């Protein structure tokens, strides 16, 4: 059986152009990546001026030397001194800030009551006007 050459990863864009992603990655390997991690596109830690401070291989090797959260197999002996805890810092209590005075409540004036004196009796008009006439047959 004959080994086949690795297939190039070619992608077609929306505009119909063919793009080789692997070639694009290799061409931009040393360009600083976007973000706040100070690494290039390859994964090397870079310093000021774009100089490589720590290569990618060293970063990966350091990461896999001791995984996070790994428990040691040997228990700690009783004779070994325990790690000293830092003294507890006291926190100053804040003095209360004077609150703003509450706004004054205003009372709306009450309408004056006017007494109606009985006058001559007038015959009431039985015809309805305005909204009463419009609402008359809607019950």
C-alpha atoms as a PDB file:
ATOM      1  CA  UNK A   1       0.000   0.000   0.000  1.00  0.00           C
ATOM      2  CA  UNK A   2       1.341   3.431  -0.927  1.00  0.00           C
ATOM      3  CA  UNK A   3       1.177   6.284   1.573  1.00  0.00           C
ATOM      4  CA  UNK A   4      -0.771   9.250   0.335  1.00  0.00           C
ATOM      5  CA  UNK A   5       0.494  12.796   0.630  1.00  0.00           C
ATOM      6  CA  UNK A   6      -1.346  14.828   3.253  1.00  0.00           C
ATOM      7  CA  UNK A   7      -4.240  16.673   1.705  1.00  0.00           C
ATOM      8  CA  UNK A   8      -4.043  20.455   1.703  1.00  0.00           C
ATOM      9  CA  UNK A   9      -6.810  22.213   3.582  1.00  0.00           C
ATOM     10  CA  UNK A  10      -8.305  24.467   0.942  1.00  0.00           C
ATOM     11  CA  UNK A  11     -11.409  26.458   1.720  1.00  0.00           C
ATOM     12  CA  UNK A  12     -13.708  28.397  -0.579  1.00  0.00           C
ATOM     13  CA  UNK A  13     -14.693  31.857   0.641  1.00  0.00           C
ATOM     14  CA  UNK A  14     -18.081  33.467   0.127  1.00  0.00           C
ATOM     15  CA  UNK A  15     -16.593  35.388  -2.801  1.00  0.00           C
ATOM     16  CA  UNK A  16     -15.455  32.136  -4.445  1.00  0.00           C
ATOM     17  CA  UNK A  17     -11.740  32.481  -3.739  1.00  0.00           C
ATOM     18  CA  UNK A  18      -9.712  29.428  -2.633  1.00  0.00           C
ATOM     19  CA  UNK A  19      -7.685  29.895   0.593  1.00  0.00           C
ATOM     20  CA  UNK A  20      -5.006  27.523   1.960  1.00  0.00           C
ATOM     21  CA  UNK A  21      -5.365  27.828   5.741  1.00  0.00           C
ATOM     22  CA  UNK A  22      -2.121  25.969   6.588  1.00  0.00           C
ATOM     23  CA  UNK A  23      -0.112  28.270   4.331  1.00  0.00           C
ATOM     24  CA  UNK A  24      -1.797  31.303   5.895  1.00  0.00           C
ATOM     25  CA  UNK A  25      -0.982  30.062   9.431  1.00  0.00           C
ATOM     26  CA  UNK A  26       2.664  29.414   8.545  1.00  0.00           C
ATOM     27  CA  UNK A  27       3.050  32.867   6.989  1.00  0.00           C
ATOM     28  CA  UNK A  28       1.678  34.664  10.065  1.00  0.00           C
ATOM     29  CA  UNK A  29       3.312  32.490  12.741  1.00  0.00           C
ATOM     30  CA  UNK A  30       5.456  35.268  14.213  1.00  0.00           C
ATOM     31  CA  UNK A  31       2.756  37.969  14.278  1.00  0.00           C
ATOM     32  CA  UNK A  32       1.534  39.014  17.735  1.00  0.00           C
ATOM     33  CA  UNK A  33      -1.868  37.532  18.516  1.00  0.00           C
ATOM     34  CA  UNK A  34      -4.789  39.783  19.363  1.00  0.00           C
ATOM     35  CA  UNK A  35      -5.528  39.859  23.081  1.00  0.00           C
ATOM     36  CA  UNK A  36      -3.802  40.500  26.382  1.00  0.00           C
ATOM     37  CA  UNK A  37      -1.748  37.282  26.723  1.00  0.00           C
ATOM     38  CA  UNK A  38       1.425  38.630  25.012  1.00  0.00           C
ATOM     39  CA  UNK A  39       1.861  35.635  22.709  1.00  0.00           C
ATOM     40  CA  UNK A  40       2.377  35.278  18.995  1.00  0.00           C
ATOM     41  CA  UNK A  41       0.129  33.220  16.722  1.00  0.00           C
ATOM     42  CA  UNK A  42       2.306  30.139  17.296  1.00  0.00           C
ATOM     43  CA  UNK A  43       2.004  30.311  21.104  1.00  0.00           C
ATOM     44  CA  UNK A  44       5.446  31.653  22.097  1.00  0.00           C
ATOM     45  CA  UNK A  45       5.457  34.181  24.947  1.00  0.00           C
ATOM     46  CA  UNK A  46       6.809  37.447  23.587  1.00  0.00           C
ATOM     47  CA  UNK A  47       8.316  40.408  25.392  1.00  0.00           C
ATOM     48  CA  UNK A  48       8.743  44.058  24.501  1.00  0.00           C
ATOM     49  CA  UNK A  49       9.668  44.641  20.885  1.00  0.00           C
ATOM     50  CA  UNK A  50       8.281  41.265  19.800  1.00  0.00           C
ATOM     51  CA  UNK A  51      11.267  39.229  21.045  1.00  0.00           C
ATOM     52  CA  UNK A  52      10.462  35.634  22.050  1.00  0.00           C
ATOM     53  CA  UNK A  53      10.915  35.271  25.818  1.00  0.00           C
ATOM     54  CA  UNK A  54       9.661  31.701  26.271  1.00  0.00           C
ATOM     55  CA  UNK A  55       9.163  29.285  23.357  1.00  0.00           C
ATOM     56  CA  UNK A  56       5.958  27.322  22.991  1.00  0.00           C
ATOM     57  CA  UNK A  57       7.607  23.984  23.785  1.00  0.00           C
ATOM     58  CA  UNK A  58       8.806  25.237  27.198  1.00  0.00           C
ATOM     59  CA  UNK A  59       5.345  26.598  28.048  1.00  0.00           C
ATOM     60  CA  UNK A  60       3.691  23.260  27.219  1.00  0.00           C
ATOM     61  CA  UNK A  61       6.349  21.223  29.070  1.00  0.00           C
ATOM     62  CA  UNK A  62       5.941  23.362  32.196  1.00  0.00           C
ATOM     63  CA  UNK A  63       2.151  23.016  32.038  1.00  0.00           C
ATOM     64  CA  UNK A  64       2.231  19.208  31.890  1.00  0.00           C
ATOM     65  CA  UNK A  65       4.952  18.666  34.550  1.00  0.00           C
ATOM     66  CA  UNK A  66       2.449  18.795  37.406  1.00  0.00           C
ATOM     67  CA  UNK A  67      -1.216  19.139  36.522  1.00  0.00           C
ATOM     68  CA  UNK A  68      -3.339  21.440  38.618  1.00  0.00           C
ATOM     69  CA  UNK A  69      -5.182  19.798  41.503  1.00  0.00           C
ATOM     70  CA  UNK A  70      -2.958  16.721  41.632  1.00  0.00           C
ATOM     71  CA  UNK A  71      -2.713  15.199  45.110  1.00  0.00           C
ATOM     72  CA  UNK A  72       0.610  13.767  46.272  1.00  0.00           C
ATOM     73  CA  UNK A  73       0.661  10.025  47.047  1.00  0.00           C
ATOM     74  CA  UNK A  74       2.623  10.377  50.273  1.00  0.00           C
ATOM     75  CA  UNK A  75       0.818  11.875  53.274  1.00  0.00           C
ATOM     76  CA  UNK A  76       2.437  14.716  55.143  1.00  0.00           C
ATOM     77  CA  UNK A  77       4.132  13.534  58.367  1.00  0.00           C
ATOM     78  CA  UNK A  78       3.028  14.888  61.742  1.00  0.00           C
ATOM     79  CA  UNK A  79       6.579  15.997  62.593  1.00  0.00           C
ATOM     80  CA  UNK A  80       6.783  18.236  59.545  1.00  0.00           C
ATOM     81  CA  UNK A  81       5.945  21.822  60.379  1.00  0.00           C
ATOM     82  CA  UNK A  82       2.671  23.048  59.008  1.00  0.00           C
ATOM     83  CA  UNK A  83       2.845  26.047  56.711  1.00  0.00           C
ATOM     84  CA  UNK A  84       2.400  29.275  58.612  1.00  0.00           C
ATOM     85  CA  UNK A  85      -0.807  31.083  57.942  1.00  0.00           C
ATOM     86  CA  UNK A  86      -0.668  34.797  57.390  1.00  0.00           C
ATOM     87  CA  UNK A  87      -1.989  36.880  60.284  1.00  0.00           C
ATOM     88  CA  UNK A  88      -5.516  38.077  59.831  1.00  0.00           C
ATOM     89  CA  UNK A  89      -5.645  41.723  58.892  1.00  0.00           C
ATOM     90  CA  UNK A  90      -8.074  43.857  60.806  1.00  0.00           C
ATOM     91  CA  UNK A  91     -10.403  45.948  58.779  1.00  0.00           C
ATOM     92  CA  UNK A  92     -11.206  49.482  59.811  1.00  0.00           C
ATOM     93  CA  UNK A  93     -14.862  50.145  60.255  1.00  0.00           C
ATOM     94  CA  UNK A  94     -16.238  52.875  58.104  1.00  0.00           C
ATOM     95  CA  UNK A  95     -17.927  55.812  59.733  1.00  0.00           C
ATOM     96  CA  UNK A  96     -21.518  56.196  58.623  1.00  0.00           C
ATOM     97  CA  UNK A  97     -22.136  58.945  56.125  1.00  0.00           C
ATOM     98  CA  UNK A  98     -24.794  61.455  57.062  1.00  0.00           C
ATOM     99  CA  UNK A  99     -27.899  60.689  55.067  1.00  0.00           C
ATOM    100  CA  UNK A 100     -29.563  63.400  53.032  1.00  0.00           C
ATOM    101  CA  UNK A 101     -32.592  64.914  54.733  1.00  0.00           C
ATOM    102  CA  UNK A 102     -35.868  63.539  53.501  1.00  0.00           C
ATOM    103  CA  UNK A 103     -37.761  65.867  51.179  1.00  0.00           C
ATOM    104  CA  UNK A 104     -40.535  67.801  52.823  1.00  0.00           C
ATOM    105  CA  UNK A 105     -43.952  66.357  52.240  1.00  0.00           C
ATOM    106  CA  UNK A 106     -46.390  68.800  50.770  1.00  0.00           C
ATOM    107  CA  UNK A 107     -50.096  68.449  51.259  1.00  0.00           C
ATOM    108  CA  UNK A 108     -52.314  69.361  48.331  1.00  0.00           C
ATOM    109  CA  UNK A 109     -54.987  71.875  49.287  1.00  0.00           C
ATOM    110  CA  UNK A 110     -58.444  70.400  49.613  1.00  0.00           C
ATOM    111  CA  UNK A 111     -61.178  71.950  47.499  1.00  0.00           C
ATOM    112  CA  UNK A 112     -63.594  74.088  49.445  1.00  0.00           C
ATOM    113  CA  UNK A 113     -67.076  72.723  49.872  1.00  0.00           C
ATOM    114  CA  UNK A 114     -69.764  75.018  48.656  1.00  0.00           C
ATOM    115  CA  UNK A 115     -73.235  74.596  50.043  1.00  0.00           C
ATOM    116  CA  UNK A 116     -76.053  74.933  47.576  1.00  0.00           C
ATOM    117  CA  UNK A 117     -78.988  76.861  48.883  1.00  0.00           C
ATOM    118  CA  UNK A 118     -82.371  75.642  47.786  1.00  0.00           C
ATOM    119  CA  UNK A 119     -83.799  78.039  45.289  1.00  0.00           C
ATOM    120  CA  UNK A 120     -86.897  78.039  43.286  1.00  0.00           C
ATOM    121  CA  UNK A 121     -87.656  74.603  41.993  1.00  0.00           C
ATOM    122  CA  UNK A 122     -87.118  74.390  38.287  1.00  0.00           C
ATOM    123  CA  UNK A 123     -88.589  71.630  36.196  1.00  0.00           C
ATOM    124  CA  UNK A 124     -85.772  69.164  35.309  1.00  0.00           C
ATOM    125  CA  UNK A 125     -84.886  68.667  31.704  1.00  0.00           C
ATOM    126  CA  UNK A 126     -85.450  64.965  30.893  1.00  0.00           C
ATOM    127  CA  UNK A 127     -83.557  64.945  27.627  1.00  0.00           C
ATOM    128  CA  UNK A 128     -80.012  63.562  27.836  1.00  0.00           C
ATOM    129  CA  UNK A 129     -77.074  65.376  26.343  1.00  0.00           C
ATOM    130  CA  UNK A 130     -73.453  64.584  25.486  1.00  0.00           C
ATOM    131  CA  UNK A 131     -71.919  61.318  26.683  1.00  0.00           C
ATOM    132  CA  UNK A 132     -75.049  60.263  28.563  1.00  0.00           C
ATOM    133  CA  UNK A 133     -77.027  60.299  25.315  1.00  0.00           C
ATOM    134  CA  UNK A 134     -74.295  58.242  23.561  1.00  0.00           C
ATOM    135  CA  UNK A 135     -74.094  55.626  26.300  1.00  0.00           C
ATOM    136  CA  UNK A 136     -77.828  55.286  26.772  1.00  0.00           C
ATOM    137  CA  UNK A 137     -78.392  52.158  24.653  1.00  0.00           C
ATOM    138  CA  UNK A 138     -75.106  50.317  25.340  1.00  0.00           C
ATOM    139  CA  UNK A 139     -75.977  48.283  28.397  1.00  0.00           C
END
